[in-house]
Amino acid sequence: MKPAAFAYLAPHDLDEALDQLAEHGADARVLAGGQSLVRLMNARLASPAVVVDINRVGGLDALSLVNGSGPARLRLGATVRQRTSELSPEVAAHAPLLAEAGAHVAHAPVRSRGTVVGSVAFADPSAELPTALLALDGRVVARSRSGERTIEADDFFTGPFTTSLAPGELVVAVEVPVTAAGTGTAFVEVSRRHGDLPVCGVAATVTRGDDGSVAATRIALCGAGERPVRARAAEDALTGSDGGADAVAAAAARAADGLSPIADCHGSADFRRHLARVLTGRALRTAIHRAAGEADNA
């Protein structure tokens, strides 16, 4: 199939793009990488009247450190490609979880066109990059003609393929705090085939305190609900512990608490809960070893 007829707009600056989005409202869709949007349009599962291509907008391809008020953050603009993030020395040094999760997305040709922000804004509940953003305590930067605001990842995702973006808003960047010393991160997933969306995936960050105990934990899961979700019971179980095998096992056992996975042909709800527990254990073991500067052995 081919897409239904649509108007194609290609703004050259951000103000022009925001004007077009404000003018066309819900009839417009933003095109950055297009790896999800074009596929849906070709299948006529999405039929926007207007497509606003932001690839010519200057400055949206920037990947940089931001040292404002508060901790330093890594900022990725709306047209930074997933492959660029995956291979970036800055991302590897300051937010390695983002690179690790990104390497699981589809295949290299897809990642060479798809964007980090596009994956986040699409809000697929099974996608890797939104889950990594949540585990990293990241945030979304949105702009409209009314101004700019930041939205915490916990507040951005509201359901399957839905977000808290207002009409006329454009996600211009995502930001994640620079991973602190003594923090280890890990991403693991199970998928039916290499390159498929995961049946379940887990992103974890673990910070060791000066006394060697676990000072902070964040665990996010994909494929386990209607949006990327935090495994808060597992986080609470591990935080304050010694991070040993028993503590990890106890935390992993709580990873599925409160989950309401959506069953489909790839896995039942119970199977997804089982994967959440198993994969949380694997991710935590790897993150703890990395926090201690040890080689991966999980």
C-alpha atoms as a PDB file:
ATOM      1  CA  MET A   1       0.000   0.000   0.000  1.00  0.00           C
ATOM      2  CA  LYS A   2       0.928   3.646  -0.320  1.00  0.00           C
ATOM      3  CA  PRO A   3       0.024   6.508   2.003  1.00  0.00           C
ATOM      4  CA  ALA A   4      -3.059   8.631   1.563  1.00  0.00           C
ATOM      5  CA  ALA A   5      -2.485  12.068   0.063  1.00  0.00           C
ATOM      6  CA  PHE A   6      -0.868  14.601   2.387  1.00  0.00           C
ATOM      7  CA  ALA A   7       0.742  18.035   2.278  1.00  0.00           C
ATOM      8  CA  TYR A   8       4.499  18.059   2.793  1.00  0.00           C
ATOM      9  CA  LEU A   9       6.108  20.989   4.615  1.00  0.00           C
ATOM     10  CA  ALA A  10       9.858  21.428   5.131  1.00  0.00           C
ATOM     11  CA  PRO A  11      10.578  24.364   7.452  1.00  0.00           C
ATOM     12  CA  HIS A  12      14.091  25.798   7.559  1.00  0.00           C
ATOM     13  CA  ASP A  13      14.049  27.108  11.118  1.00  0.00           C
ATOM     14  CA  LEU A  14      12.396  26.258  14.402  1.00  0.00           C
ATOM     15  CA  ASP A  15      10.005  29.215  14.441  1.00  0.00           C
ATOM     16  CA  GLU A  16       8.674  28.229  11.028  1.00  0.00           C
ATOM     17  CA  ALA A  17       8.192  24.634  12.182  1.00  0.00           C
ATOM     18  CA  LEU A  18       6.317  25.742  15.302  1.00  0.00           C
ATOM     19  CA  ASP A  19       4.108  28.058  13.242  1.00  0.00           C
ATOM     20  CA  GLN A  20       3.201  25.180  10.941  1.00  0.00           C
ATOM     21  CA  LEU A  21       2.408  22.860  13.843  1.00  0.00           C
ATOM     22  CA  ALA A  22       0.264  25.545  15.469  1.00  0.00           C
ATOM     23  CA  GLU A  23      -1.586  26.183  12.218  1.00  0.00           C
ATOM     24  CA  HIS A  24      -2.385  22.568  11.411  1.00  0.00           C
ATOM     25  CA  GLY A  25      -2.791  21.184  14.947  1.00  0.00           C
ATOM     26  CA  ALA A  26      -3.900  17.561  15.168  1.00  0.00           C
ATOM     27  CA  ASP A  27      -3.843  17.232  11.371  1.00  0.00           C
ATOM     28  CA  ALA A  28      -0.025  17.452  11.347  1.00  0.00           C
ATOM     29  CA  ARG A  29       2.628  14.877  12.157  1.00  0.00           C
ATOM     30  CA  VAL A  30       6.330  15.550  12.586  1.00  0.00           C
ATOM     31  CA  LEU A  31       8.846  13.706  10.406  1.00  0.00           C
ATOM     32  CA  ALA A  32      12.381  13.299  11.765  1.00  0.00           C
ATOM     33  CA  GLY A  33      13.673   9.791  11.028  1.00  0.00           C
ATOM     34  CA  GLY A  34      10.350   8.448   9.794  1.00  0.00           C
ATOM     35  CA  GLN A  35      11.089   4.821  10.658  1.00  0.00           C
ATOM     36  CA  SER A  36       7.764   4.444  12.458  1.00  0.00           C
ATOM     37  CA  LEU A  37       5.656   7.179  10.854  1.00  0.00           C
ATOM     38  CA  VAL A  38       6.302   6.250   7.210  1.00  0.00           C
ATOM     39  CA  ARG A  39       5.619   2.578   7.899  1.00  0.00           C
ATOM     40  CA  LEU A  40       2.287   3.449   9.505  1.00  0.00           C
ATOM     41  CA  MET A  41       1.394   5.813   6.687  1.00  0.00           C
ATOM     42  CA  ASN A  42       2.179   3.184   4.060  1.00  0.00           C
ATOM     43  CA  ALA A  43      -0.135   0.771   5.865  1.00  0.00           C
ATOM     44  CA  ARG A  44      -2.714   3.571   6.230  1.00  0.00           C
ATOM     45  CA  LEU A  45      -2.725   3.119   9.973  1.00  0.00           C
ATOM     46  CA  ALA A  46      -1.829   6.809  10.126  1.00  0.00           C
ATOM     47  CA  SER A  47      -3.133   9.354   7.617  1.00  0.00           C
ATOM     48  CA  PRO A  48      -1.994  12.834   8.598  1.00  0.00           C
ATOM     49  CA  ALA A  49      -3.184  15.650   6.373  1.00  0.00           C
ATOM     50  CA  VAL A  50       0.168  17.420   6.825  1.00  0.00           C
ATOM     51  CA  VAL A  51       3.702  16.121   7.378  1.00  0.00           C
ATOM     52  CA  VAL A  52       6.198  18.605   8.831  1.00  0.00           C
ATOM     53  CA  ASP A  53       9.749  17.498   7.992  1.00  0.00           C
ATOM     54  CA  ILE A  54      12.141  19.017  10.572  1.00  0.00           C
ATOM     55  CA  ASN A  55      15.372  17.667   9.069  1.00  0.00           C
ATOM     56  CA  ARG A  56      16.302  21.059   7.591  1.00  0.00           C
ATOM     57  CA  VAL A  57      15.875  22.895  10.904  1.00  0.00           C
ATOM     58  CA  GLY A  58      19.289  23.988  12.069  1.00  0.00           C
ATOM     59  CA  GLY A  59      20.606  23.064  15.498  1.00  0.00           C
ATOM     60  CA  LEU A  60      18.337  20.078  16.107  1.00  0.00           C
ATOM     61  CA  ASP A  61      21.164  17.654  15.293  1.00  0.00           C
ATOM     62  CA  ALA A  62      23.311  18.853  18.212  1.00  0.00           C
ATOM     63  CA  LEU A  63      24.613  16.424  20.833  1.00  0.00           C
ATOM     64  CA  SER A  64      26.229  18.289  23.699  1.00  0.00           C
ATOM     65  CA  LEU A  65      26.868  18.620  27.430  1.00  0.00           C
ATOM     66  CA  VAL A  66      24.720  21.202  29.179  1.00  0.00           C
ATOM     67  CA  ASN A  67      26.160  22.736  32.344  1.00  0.00           C
ATOM     68  CA  GLY A  68      23.366  24.902  33.698  1.00  0.00           C
ATOM     69  CA  SER A  69      21.838  24.975  37.135  1.00  0.00           C
ATOM     70  CA  GLY A  70      21.956  21.571  38.780  1.00  0.00           C
ATOM     71  CA  PRO A  71      23.920  18.541  37.602  1.00  0.00           C
ATOM     72  CA  ALA A  72      25.431  18.411  34.132  1.00  0.00           C
ATOM     73  CA  ARG A  73      23.221  16.860  31.490  1.00  0.00           C
ATOM     74  CA  LEU A  74      23.731  15.293  28.091  1.00  0.00           C
ATOM     75  CA  ARG A  75      21.378  16.846  25.538  1.00  0.00           C
ATOM     76  CA  LEU A  76      20.391  15.189  22.265  1.00  0.00           C
ATOM     77  CA  GLY A  77      18.512  17.259  19.718  1.00  0.00           C
ATOM     78  CA  ALA A  78      15.459  16.115  17.798  1.00  0.00           C
ATOM     79  CA  THR A  79      17.341  14.944  14.701  1.00  0.00           C
ATOM     80  CA  VAL A  80      20.256  13.168  16.382  1.00  0.00           C
ATOM     81  CA  ARG A  81      20.260   9.712  14.803  1.00  0.00           C
ATOM     82  CA  GLN A  82      20.120   6.616  16.943  1.00  0.00           C
ATOM     83  CA  ARG A  83      23.299   5.340  15.320  1.00  0.00           C
ATOM     84  CA  THR A  84      25.048   8.631  16.138  1.00  0.00           C
ATOM     85  CA  SER A  85      24.084   8.239  19.795  1.00  0.00           C
ATOM     86  CA  GLU A  86      25.091   4.589  19.807  1.00  0.00           C
ATOM     87  CA  LEU A  87      28.604   5.355  18.517  1.00  0.00           C
ATOM     88  CA  SER A  88      29.151   8.715  20.205  1.00  0.00           C
ATOM     89  CA  PRO A  89      32.151   8.945  22.585  1.00  0.00           C
ATOM     90  CA  GLU A  90      30.225  11.569  24.581  1.00  0.00           C
ATOM     91  CA  VAL A  91      27.270   9.243  25.086  1.00  0.00           C
ATOM     92  CA  ALA A  92      29.575   6.331  25.956  1.00  0.00           C
ATOM     93  CA  ALA A  93      31.355   8.462  28.549  1.00  0.00           C
ATOM     94  CA  HIS A  94      28.403  10.288  30.083  1.00  0.00           C
ATOM     95  CA  ALA A  95      25.305   8.108  29.503  1.00  0.00           C
ATOM     96  CA  PRO A  96      26.426   4.595  28.509  1.00  0.00           C
ATOM     97  CA  LEU A  97      22.975   3.148  29.194  1.00  0.00           C
ATOM     98  CA  LEU A  98      21.587   5.200  26.310  1.00  0.00           C
ATOM     99  CA  ALA A  99      24.176   3.732  23.930  1.00  0.00           C
ATOM    100  CA  GLU A 100      23.658   0.192  25.196  1.00  0.00           C
ATOM    101  CA  ALA A 101      19.875   0.346  24.892  1.00  0.00           C
ATOM    102  CA  GLY A 102      20.130   2.011  21.491  1.00  0.00           C
ATOM    103  CA  ALA A 103      22.239  -0.820  20.122  1.00  0.00           C
ATOM    104  CA  HIS A 104      19.242  -3.141  20.615  1.00  0.00           C
ATOM    105  CA  VAL A 105      16.935  -1.049  18.410  1.00  0.00           C
ATOM    106  CA  ALA A 106      16.052  -2.800  15.137  1.00  0.00           C
ATOM    107  CA  HIS A 107      19.063  -2.978  12.779  1.00  0.00           C
ATOM    108  CA  ALA A 108      21.902  -0.605  11.930  1.00  0.00           C
ATOM    109  CA  PRO A 109      20.286   0.782   8.727  1.00  0.00           C
ATOM    110  CA  VAL A 110      17.162   1.660  10.710  1.00  0.00           C
ATOM    111  CA  ARG A 111      19.207   3.263  13.485  1.00  0.00           C
ATOM    112  CA  SER A 112      21.144   5.258  10.889  1.00  0.00           C
ATOM    113  CA  ARG A 113      17.942   7.066   9.971  1.00  0.00           C
ATOM    114  CA  GLY A 114      15.792   6.819  13.093  1.00  0.00           C
ATOM    115  CA  THR A 115      16.230   9.435  15.816  1.00  0.00           C
ATOM    116  CA  VAL A 116      16.506   9.123  19.581  1.00  0.00           C
ATOM    117  CA  VAL A 117      13.884  11.810  20.138  1.00  0.00           C
ATOM    118  CA  GLY A 118      11.587  10.256  17.551  1.00  0.00           C
ATOM    119  CA  SER A 119      11.605   6.943  19.411  1.00  0.00           C
ATOM    120  CA  VAL A 120      10.870   8.721  22.684  1.00  0.00           C
ATOM    121  CA  ALA A 121       8.066  10.824  21.199  1.00  0.00           C
ATOM    122  CA  PHE A 122       6.496   7.790  19.473  1.00  0.00           C
ATOM    123  CA  ALA A 123       6.141   6.263  22.962  1.00  0.00           C
ATOM    124  CA  ASP A 124       5.950   2.609  21.992  1.00  0.00           C
ATOM    125  CA  PRO A 125       5.596   0.791  25.338  1.00  0.00           C
ATOM    126  CA  SER A 126       7.954  -1.941  24.108  1.00  0.00           C
ATOM    127  CA  ALA A 127      10.703   0.369  22.829  1.00  0.00           C
ATOM    128  CA  GLU A 128      14.189   0.465  24.311  1.00  0.00           C
ATOM    129  CA  LEU A 129      15.065   4.176  24.228  1.00  0.00           C
ATOM    130  CA  PRO A 130      12.036   5.479  26.162  1.00  0.00           C
ATOM    131  CA  THR A 131      12.819   2.862  28.803  1.00  0.00           C
ATOM    132  CA  ALA A 132      16.443   3.972  29.031  1.00  0.00           C
ATOM    133  CA  LEU A 133      15.329   7.601  29.345  1.00  0.00           C
ATOM    134  CA  LEU A 134      13.084   6.642  32.264  1.00  0.00           C
ATOM    135  CA  ALA A 135      15.812   4.667  34.026  1.00  0.00           C
ATOM    136  CA  LEU A 136      18.231   7.572  33.604  1.00  0.00           C
ATOM    137  CA  ASP A 137      15.792  10.052  35.167  1.00  0.00           C
ATOM    138  CA  GLY A 138      15.793  11.923  31.879  1.00  0.00           C
ATOM    139  CA  ARG A 139      13.489  14.608  30.640  1.00  0.00           C
ATOM    140  CA  VAL A 140      11.956  15.875  27.434  1.00  0.00           C
ATOM    141  CA  VAL A 141      12.326  19.454  26.201  1.00  0.00           C
ATOM    142  CA  ALA A 142       9.230  20.657  24.319  1.00  0.00           C
ATOM    143  CA  ARG A 143       8.749  23.905  22.407  1.00  0.00           C
ATOM    144  CA  SER A 144       5.700  25.670  21.021  1.00  0.00           C
ATOM    145  CA  ARG A 145       4.855  29.205  20.010  1.00  0.00           C
ATOM    146  CA  SER A 146       3.978  29.771  23.670  1.00  0.00           C
ATOM    147  CA  GLY A 147       7.492  28.924  24.883  1.00  0.00           C
ATOM    148  CA  GLU A 148       9.565  26.033  26.169  1.00  0.00           C
ATOM    149  CA  ARG A 149       8.993  23.550  28.981  1.00  0.00           C
ATOM    150  CA  THR A 150      10.684  20.433  30.318  1.00  0.00           C
ATOM    151  CA  ILE A 151       8.750  17.264  31.096  1.00  0.00           C
ATOM    152  CA  GLU A 152      10.176  14.558  33.318  1.00  0.00           C
ATOM    153  CA  ALA A 153      10.187  11.133  31.663  1.00  0.00           C
ATOM    154  CA  ASP A 154       7.983   9.793  34.446  1.00  0.00           C
ATOM    155  CA  ASP A 155       5.334  12.358  33.423  1.00  0.00           C
ATOM    156  CA  PHE A 156       5.850  12.274  29.658  1.00  0.00           C
ATOM    157  CA  PHE A 157       4.589   8.777  28.870  1.00  0.00           C
ATOM    158  CA  THR A 158       0.848   8.449  29.494  1.00  0.00           C
ATOM    159  CA  GLY A 159      -0.141   5.265  27.643  1.00  0.00           C
ATOM    160  CA  PRO A 160       0.453   3.237  24.490  1.00  0.00           C
ATOM    161  CA  PHE A 161       1.830   5.650  21.884  1.00  0.00           C
ATOM    162  CA  THR A 162       0.532   8.627  23.873  1.00  0.00           C
ATOM    163  CA  THR A 163       2.349  11.376  25.736  1.00  0.00           C
ATOM    164  CA  SER A 164       1.662  14.540  27.674  1.00  0.00           C
ATOM    165  CA  LEU A 165       2.638  16.774  24.733  1.00  0.00           C
ATOM    166  CA  ALA A 166       0.157  19.553  24.136  1.00  0.00           C
ATOM    167  CA  PRO A 167      -1.186  20.431  20.672  1.00  0.00           C
ATOM    168  CA  GLY A 168       1.374  22.460  18.737  1.00  0.00           C
ATOM    169  CA  GLU A 169       4.320  21.270  20.836  1.00  0.00           C
ATOM    170  CA  LEU A 170       7.472  19.809  19.321  1.00  0.00           C
ATOM    171  CA  VAL A 171      10.023  17.750  21.226  1.00  0.00           C
ATOM    172  CA  VAL A 172      13.249  19.592  20.438  1.00  0.00           C
ATOM    173  CA  ALA A 173      15.559  17.506  22.657  1.00  0.00           C
ATOM    174  CA  VAL A 174      15.913  14.949  25.391  1.00  0.00           C
ATOM    175  CA  GLU A 175      18.289  15.406  28.309  1.00  0.00           C
ATOM    176  CA  VAL A 176      19.767  12.890  30.736  1.00  0.00           C
ATOM    177  CA  PRO A 177      21.940  13.549  33.798  1.00  0.00           C
ATOM    178  CA  VAL A 178      25.577  12.660  33.363  1.00  0.00           C
ATOM    179  CA  THR A 179      26.113   9.242  34.931  1.00  0.00           C
ATOM    180  CA  ALA A 180      27.899   9.834  38.225  1.00  0.00           C
ATOM    181  CA  ALA A 181      31.036   8.106  39.467  1.00  0.00           C
ATOM    182  CA  GLY A 182      30.216   4.906  41.319  1.00  0.00           C
ATOM    183  CA  THR A 183      27.160   4.282  39.142  1.00  0.00           C
ATOM    184  CA  GLY A 184      26.737   1.239  36.939  1.00  0.00           C
ATOM    185  CA  THR A 185      24.092   0.805  34.263  1.00  0.00           C
ATOM    186  CA  ALA A 186      22.811  -2.064  32.158  1.00  0.00           C
ATOM    187  CA  PHE A 187      20.164  -2.909  29.565  1.00  0.00           C
ATOM    188  CA  VAL A 188      18.974  -6.435  28.770  1.00  0.00           C
ATOM    189  CA  GLU A 189      16.052  -7.733  26.759  1.00  0.00           C
ATOM    190  CA  VAL A 190      14.428 -10.814  25.262  1.00  0.00           C
ATOM    191  CA  SER A 191      13.043 -10.598  21.732  1.00  0.00           C
ATOM    192  CA  ARG A 192      11.746 -13.237  19.347  1.00  0.00           C
ATOM    193  CA  ARG A 193      14.351 -12.367  16.723  1.00  0.00           C
ATOM    194  CA  HIS A 194      17.315 -10.048  16.603  1.00  0.00           C
ATOM    195  CA  GLY A 195      16.030  -6.595  15.727  1.00  0.00           C
ATOM    196  CA  ASP A 196      12.450  -7.217  16.864  1.00  0.00           C
ATOM    197  CA  LEU A 197      10.892  -5.152  19.604  1.00  0.00           C
ATOM    198  CA  PRO A 198      11.514  -6.897  22.918  1.00  0.00           C
ATOM    199  CA  VAL A 199       8.928  -9.093  24.576  1.00  0.00           C
ATOM    200  CA  CYS A 200      10.354  -7.550  27.732  1.00  0.00           C
ATOM    201  CA  GLY A 201      13.392  -5.406  28.485  1.00  0.00           C
ATOM    202  CA  VAL A 202      14.985  -3.908  31.590  1.00  0.00           C
ATOM    203  CA  ALA A 203      17.131  -0.809  32.027  1.00  0.00           C
ATOM    204  CA  ALA A 204      18.845  -0.395  35.393  1.00  0.00           C
ATOM    205  CA  THR A 205      21.084   2.104  37.139  1.00  0.00           C
ATOM    206  CA  VAL A 206      22.781   1.333  40.469  1.00  0.00           C
ATOM    207  CA  THR A 207      24.843   3.807  42.497  1.00  0.00           C
ATOM    208  CA  ARG A 208      27.194   2.612  45.229  1.00  0.00           C
ATOM    209  CA  GLY A 209      27.707   4.706  48.362  1.00  0.00           C
ATOM    210  CA  ASP A 210      31.041   5.389  50.027  1.00  0.00           C
ATOM    211  CA  ASP A 211      30.452   2.458  52.367  1.00  0.00           C
ATOM    212  CA  GLY A 212      29.826   0.063  49.456  1.00  0.00           C
ATOM    213  CA  SER A 213      26.082  -0.214  49.990  1.00  0.00           C
ATOM    214  CA  VAL A 214      23.555   0.577  47.259  1.00  0.00           C
ATOM    215  CA  ALA A 215      22.749   4.265  47.600  1.00  0.00           C
ATOM    216  CA  ALA A 216      20.291   4.583  44.696  1.00  0.00           C
ATOM    217  CA  THR A 217      18.550   2.357  42.172  1.00  0.00           C
ATOM    218  CA  ARG A 218      16.342   3.021  39.176  1.00  0.00           C
ATOM    219  CA  ILE A 219      14.789   0.173  37.187  1.00  0.00           C
ATOM    220  CA  ALA A 220      12.586   0.674  34.121  1.00  0.00           C
ATOM    221  CA  LEU A 221      10.849  -1.979  32.046  1.00  0.00           C
ATOM    222  CA  CYS A 222       9.507  -2.122  28.502  1.00  0.00           C
ATOM    223  CA  GLY A 223       6.976  -4.623  27.222  1.00  0.00           C
ATOM    224  CA  ALA A 224       5.547  -4.841  30.724  1.00  0.00           C
ATOM    225  CA  GLY A 225       2.625  -2.430  30.570  1.00  0.00           C
ATOM    226  CA  GLU A 226       0.897   0.268  28.578  1.00  0.00           C
ATOM    227  CA  ARG A 227       3.959   2.541  28.850  1.00  0.00           C
ATOM    228  CA  PRO A 228       7.544   2.240  30.076  1.00  0.00           C
ATOM    229  CA  VAL A 229       7.216   1.557  33.799  1.00  0.00           C
ATOM    230  CA  ARG A 230       9.355   1.763  36.902  1.00  0.00           C
ATOM    231  CA  ALA A 231       9.848  -1.354  39.046  1.00  0.00           C
ATOM    232  CA  ARG A 232       9.608   0.659  42.249  1.00  0.00           C
ATOM    233  CA  ALA A 233       9.229  -2.305  44.599  1.00  0.00           C
ATOM    234  CA  ALA A 234      12.443  -3.792  43.214  1.00  0.00           C
ATOM    235  CA  GLU A 235      14.192  -0.424  43.506  1.00  0.00           C
ATOM    236  CA  ASP A 236      13.182  -0.128  47.148  1.00  0.00           C
ATOM    237  CA  ALA A 237      14.274  -3.709  47.864  1.00  0.00           C
ATOM    238  CA  LEU A 238      17.796  -3.152  46.548  1.00  0.00           C
ATOM    239  CA  THR A 239      18.444   0.383  47.794  1.00  0.00           C
ATOM    240  CA  GLY A 240      20.251   0.348  51.140  1.00  0.00           C
ATOM    241  CA  SER A 241      21.368  -3.262  50.739  1.00  0.00           C
ATOM    242  CA  ASP A 242      24.884  -4.566  50.250  1.00  0.00           C
ATOM    243  CA  GLY A 243      24.151  -5.339  46.588  1.00  0.00           C
ATOM    244  CA  GLY A 244      25.075  -8.983  47.059  1.00  0.00           C
ATOM    245  CA  ALA A 245      23.505 -12.023  45.441  1.00  0.00           C
ATOM    246  CA  ASP A 246      20.749 -12.353  48.043  1.00  0.00           C
ATOM    247  CA  ALA A 247      19.839  -8.685  47.772  1.00  0.00           C
ATOM    248  CA  VAL A 248      19.682  -8.868  43.973  1.00  0.00           C
ATOM    249  CA  ALA A 249      17.515 -11.982  44.128  1.00  0.00           C
ATOM    250  CA  ALA A 250      15.155 -10.299  46.585  1.00  0.00           C
ATOM    251  CA  ALA A 251      14.892  -7.225  44.377  1.00  0.00           C
ATOM    252  CA  ALA A 252      14.358  -9.250  41.208  1.00  0.00           C
ATOM    253  CA  ALA A 253      11.552 -11.164  42.890  1.00  0.00           C
ATOM    254  CA  ARG A 254       9.699  -7.852  43.328  1.00  0.00           C
ATOM    255  CA  ALA A 255      10.205  -6.629  39.761  1.00  0.00           C
ATOM    256  CA  ALA A 256       6.756  -7.726  38.569  1.00  0.00           C
ATOM    257  CA  ASP A 257       4.869  -6.311  41.547  1.00  0.00           C
ATOM    258  CA  GLY A 258       1.965  -4.249  40.284  1.00  0.00           C
ATOM    259  CA  LEU A 259       2.649  -4.922  36.606  1.00  0.00           C
ATOM    260  CA  SER A 260      -0.241  -5.301  34.161  1.00  0.00           C
ATOM    261  CA  PRO A 261       1.426  -6.535  30.968  1.00  0.00           C
ATOM    262  CA  ILE A 262      -0.535  -6.688  27.743  1.00  0.00           C
ATOM    263  CA  ALA A 263      -0.747 -10.257  26.472  1.00  0.00           C
ATOM    264  CA  ASP A 264      -0.315 -10.852  22.753  1.00  0.00           C
ATOM    265  CA  CYS A 265       0.909 -13.501  20.316  1.00  0.00           C
ATOM    266  CA  HIS A 266       4.496 -12.981  21.534  1.00  0.00           C
ATOM    267  CA  GLY A 267       3.866 -13.683  25.198  1.00  0.00           C
ATOM    268  CA  SER A 268       1.213 -14.006  27.864  1.00  0.00           C
ATOM    269  CA  ALA A 269       0.971 -11.579  30.762  1.00  0.00           C
ATOM    270  CA  ASP A 270       2.410 -14.219  33.106  1.00  0.00           C
ATOM    271  CA  PHE A 271       5.340 -14.853  30.770  1.00  0.00           C
ATOM    272  CA  ARG A 272       6.113 -11.153  30.643  1.00  0.00           C
ATOM    273  CA  ARG A 273       6.023 -10.973  34.449  1.00  0.00           C
ATOM    274  CA  HIS A 274       8.439 -13.904  34.564  1.00  0.00           C
ATOM    275  CA  LEU A 275      10.748 -12.152  32.123  1.00  0.00           C
ATOM    276  CA  ALA A 276      10.582  -8.954  34.187  1.00  0.00           C
ATOM    277  CA  ARG A 277      11.890 -10.817  37.224  1.00  0.00           C
ATOM    278  CA  VAL A 278      14.595 -12.755  35.374  1.00  0.00           C
ATOM    279  CA  LEU A 279      15.839  -9.799  33.340  1.00  0.00           C
ATOM    280  CA  THR A 280      15.825  -7.476  36.343  1.00  0.00           C
ATOM    281  CA  GLY A 281      18.176  -9.871  38.103  1.00  0.00           C
ATOM    282  CA  ARG A 282      20.492  -9.929  35.095  1.00  0.00           C
ATOM    283  CA  ALA A 283      20.467  -6.157  34.662  1.00  0.00           C
ATOM    284  CA  LEU A 284      21.106  -5.512  38.347  1.00  0.00           C
ATOM    285  CA  ARG A 285      24.009  -7.937  38.525  1.00  0.00           C
ATOM    286  CA  THR A 286      25.646  -6.306  35.522  1.00  0.00           C
ATOM    287  CA  ALA A 287      25.009  -2.762  36.786  1.00  0.00           C
ATOM    288  CA  ILE A 288      26.437  -3.599  40.220  1.00  0.00           C
ATOM    289  CA  HIS A 289      29.601  -5.067  38.699  1.00  0.00           C
ATOM    290  CA  ARG A 290      30.006  -2.032  36.486  1.00  0.00           C
ATOM    291  CA  ALA A 291      29.494   0.302  39.449  1.00  0.00           C
ATOM    292  CA  ALA A 292      32.418  -1.447  41.129  1.00  0.00           C
ATOM    293  CA  GLY A 293      34.544  -1.153  37.980  1.00  0.00           C
ATOM    294  CA  GLU A 294      34.519  -4.919  37.405  1.00  0.00           C
ATOM    295  CA  ALA A 295      34.293  -6.732  34.085  1.00  0.00           C
ATOM    296  CA  ASP A 296      30.843  -7.895  32.972  1.00  0.00           C
ATOM    297  CA  ASN A 297      30.048 -11.410  34.128  1.00  0.00           C
ATOM    298  CA  ALA A 298      26.278 -11.484  34.475  1.00  0.00           C
END
